[in-house]
């Protein structure tokens, strides 16, 4: 994923957004696809199922990063 730092200091917001769309979005998409698949088979009321549900519930907030 793109990391804020000196290499991005001279880039416009639109350039950074485009890089995020190209590099980070596919990773985020794959992550949430995997989380949803795991959530289907996770045993309820376990730490794993809680973590998966938390991730799914936070998806919208994480995707703000891609905008």
Protein backbone atom coordinates (compact mmCIF):
# COMPACT_ATOMS: atom_id res chain seq x y z
CA UNK A 1 0.00 0.00 0.00
CA UNK A 2 1.06 3.52 -0.59
CA UNK A 3 2.79 5.06 2.38
CA UNK A 4 2.64 8.76 3.12
CA UNK A 5 6.09 10.16 3.24
CA UNK A 6 8.75 12.18 1.50
CA UNK A 7 8.23 10.36 -1.82
CA UNK A 8 4.64 11.65 -1.91
CA UNK A 9 5.28 15.17 -0.67
CA UNK A 10 5.28 16.62 -4.18
CA UNK A 11 2.34 14.63 -5.52
CA UNK A 12 -1.12 16.05 -5.87
CA UNK A 13 -4.08 14.55 -4.04
CA UNK A 14 -5.36 13.21 -7.37
CA UNK A 15 -2.03 11.47 -8.11
CA UNK A 16 -2.02 9.84 -4.67
CA UNK A 17 -5.66 8.82 -5.11
CA UNK A 18 -4.86 7.23 -8.48
CA UNK A 19 -1.97 5.28 -6.99
CA UNK A 20 -4.22 4.05 -4.19
CA UNK A 21 -6.82 2.95 -6.72
CA UNK A 22 -4.23 1.04 -8.72
CA UNK A 23 -2.18 -0.46 -5.90
CA UNK A 24 -4.23 -0.57 -2.71
CA UNK A 25 -7.79 -1.13 -3.93
CA UNK A 26 -7.15 -4.64 -5.29
CA UNK A 27 -5.56 -5.62 -1.96
CA UNK A 28 -8.48 -4.21 0.02
CA UNK A 29 -10.98 -5.92 -2.29
CA UNK A 30 -9.22 -9.27 -1.89
CA UNK A 31 -8.97 -8.84 1.88
CA UNK A 32 -12.70 -8.27 2.32
CA UNK A 33 -13.56 -11.07 -0.07
CA UNK A 34 -11.46 -13.42 2.06
CA UNK A 35 -12.95 -12.07 5.28
CA UNK A 36 -16.49 -12.71 4.01
CA UNK A 37 -15.59 -16.25 2.95
CA UNK A 38 -14.03 -17.00 6.33
CA UNK A 39 -16.99 -15.48 8.16
CA UNK A 40 -19.30 -17.98 6.45
CA UNK A 41 -17.56 -20.92 8.12
CA UNK A 42 -16.30 -19.39 11.38
CA UNK A 43 -17.86 -20.79 14.53
CA UNK A 44 -20.11 -18.21 16.21
CA UNK A 45 -19.03 -16.54 19.44
CA UNK A 46 -15.35 -17.25 18.94
CA UNK A 47 -12.60 -14.63 18.84
CA UNK A 48 -12.16 -15.36 15.14
CA UNK A 49 -15.82 -14.78 14.31
CA UNK A 50 -15.77 -11.57 16.36
CA UNK A 51 -12.69 -10.34 14.50
CA UNK A 52 -14.21 -11.17 11.13
CA UNK A 53 -17.46 -9.39 11.99
CA UNK A 54 -15.48 -6.39 13.23
CA UNK A 55 -13.55 -6.25 9.94
CA UNK A 56 -16.75 -6.42 7.91
CA UNK A 57 -18.31 -3.69 10.04
CA UNK A 58 -15.28 -1.43 9.50
CA UNK A 59 -15.07 -1.93 5.73
CA UNK A 60 -16.76 1.34 4.81
CA UNK A 61 -14.42 3.32 7.05
CA UNK A 62 -11.34 1.63 5.62
CA UNK A 63 -12.47 2.25 2.07
CA UNK A 64 -12.48 6.01 2.75
CA UNK A 65 -8.69 5.65 2.49
CA UNK A 66 -9.11 4.75 -1.18
CA UNK A 67 -11.06 7.91 -2.03
